[in-house]
Protein backbone atom coordinates (compact mmCIF):
# COMPACT_ATOMS: atom_id res chain seq x y z
CA MET A 1 -4.12 -106.57 -80.69
CA SER A 2 -6.04 -103.30 -80.73
CA GLU A 3 -5.03 -100.33 -82.84
CA ILE A 4 -2.67 -97.91 -81.09
CA ASN A 5 -4.04 -94.39 -80.81
CA TRP A 6 -0.83 -92.36 -81.27
CA GLY A 7 -2.72 -89.07 -81.13
CA LYS A 8 -4.03 -89.92 -77.68
CA ILE A 9 -0.59 -91.01 -76.49
CA LYS A 10 0.94 -87.79 -77.81
CA TRP A 11 -1.78 -85.73 -76.12
CA GLN A 12 -1.22 -87.53 -72.80
CA SER A 13 2.51 -86.84 -73.16
CA ARG A 14 1.90 -83.08 -73.28
CA ARG A 15 2.44 -82.19 -69.67
CA GLY A 16 2.39 -78.40 -69.89
CA MET A 17 5.90 -78.19 -68.49
CA ARG A 18 8.36 -77.27 -71.22
CA GLU A 19 11.16 -79.37 -69.74
CA LEU A 20 8.98 -82.48 -69.87
CA ASP A 21 7.48 -81.74 -73.27
CA LEU A 22 10.97 -81.39 -74.78
CA MET A 23 11.82 -84.90 -73.65
CA LEU A 24 8.53 -86.76 -73.94
CA LEU A 25 7.09 -85.49 -77.22
CA PRO A 26 10.13 -86.30 -79.40
CA PHE A 27 10.27 -89.72 -77.74
CA VAL A 28 6.63 -90.38 -78.67
CA GLU A 29 6.97 -88.97 -82.18
CA HIS A 30 10.30 -90.47 -83.21
CA ASP A 31 11.21 -93.39 -80.96
CA LEU A 32 8.22 -95.07 -79.37
CA PRO A 33 6.56 -96.20 -82.64
CA ASN A 34 9.71 -98.20 -83.47
CA LEU A 35 9.96 -99.94 -80.11
CA GLY A 36 8.16 -103.02 -78.83
CA SER A 37 4.82 -103.31 -77.10
CA ASP A 38 6.58 -103.88 -73.76
CA VAL A 39 8.17 -100.43 -74.05
CA LEU A 40 4.81 -98.94 -74.98
CA ASP A 41 3.24 -100.56 -71.91
CA SER A 42 6.01 -99.17 -69.69
CA TYR A 43 5.59 -95.73 -71.20
CA MET A 44 1.83 -95.76 -70.64
CA ASP A 45 2.48 -96.70 -67.00
CA LEU A 46 5.01 -93.87 -66.74
CA LEU A 47 2.37 -91.38 -67.88
CA GLU A 48 0.36 -92.22 -64.76
CA ALA A 49 2.99 -90.41 -62.67
CA SER A 50 2.60 -86.78 -61.69
CA ASP A 51 4.41 -84.02 -63.55
CA LEU A 52 6.62 -83.40 -60.54
CA GLU A 53 7.61 -87.07 -60.32
CA LEU A 54 8.36 -87.16 -64.06
CA PHE A 55 10.42 -83.99 -63.84
CA ARG A 56 12.48 -85.33 -60.94
CA TRP A 57 13.01 -88.73 -62.57
CA LEU A 58 13.92 -87.35 -66.00
CA HIS A 59 16.31 -84.81 -64.52
CA GLY A 60 17.96 -87.24 -62.14
CA THR A 61 16.97 -85.69 -58.84
CA ALA A 62 14.88 -88.70 -57.78
CA LYS A 63 14.75 -92.39 -58.58
CA PRO A 64 11.63 -93.89 -60.21
CA ASN A 65 9.50 -96.02 -57.92
CA SER A 66 9.60 -99.24 -59.97
CA GLU A 67 12.04 -101.19 -62.10
CA SER A 68 9.96 -100.78 -65.27
CA ARG A 69 9.79 -97.03 -64.73
CA GLU A 70 13.55 -96.91 -64.13
CA LYS A 71 14.13 -98.63 -67.46
CA ILE A 72 11.81 -96.42 -69.50
CA VAL A 73 13.18 -93.25 -67.86
CA ALA A 74 16.74 -94.36 -68.65
CA LEU A 75 15.73 -95.04 -72.26
CA ILE A 76 14.06 -91.63 -72.64
CA ILE A 77 17.10 -89.88 -71.16
CA LYS A 78 19.50 -91.82 -73.41
CA LEU A 79 17.53 -91.05 -76.57
CA HIS A 80 17.08 -87.42 -75.53
CA GLU A 81 20.83 -87.02 -75.00
CA GLY A 82 21.48 -88.46 -78.47
CA ARG A 83 18.99 -86.02 -79.96
CA LYS A 84 20.51 -82.86 -78.46
CA GLY A 85 21.66 -80.45 -81.12
CA VAL A 86 20.19 -82.57 -83.89
CA GLU A 87 16.60 -81.41 -83.56
CA GLY A 88 17.20 -78.19 -81.69
CA VAL A 89 16.68 -79.78 -78.31
């Protein structure tokens, strides 16, 4: 298995939209390294979506367009909700 470039993943997670950055960056920094390669693969696929799609999916105004994206979005939302107030989110 090749080495994971966490810096590149973190950079790709910076979307330039504060609402997305507040959800994606803590997920990459604190959660993703502790999860399996299947979750990493799903997350990398999720990053292929546009900022608008991500915003709508992560804020519940639209449904992701695949089952794997639905699962990773649900995981990010769940972990983000658990982080609120703890890290100033």
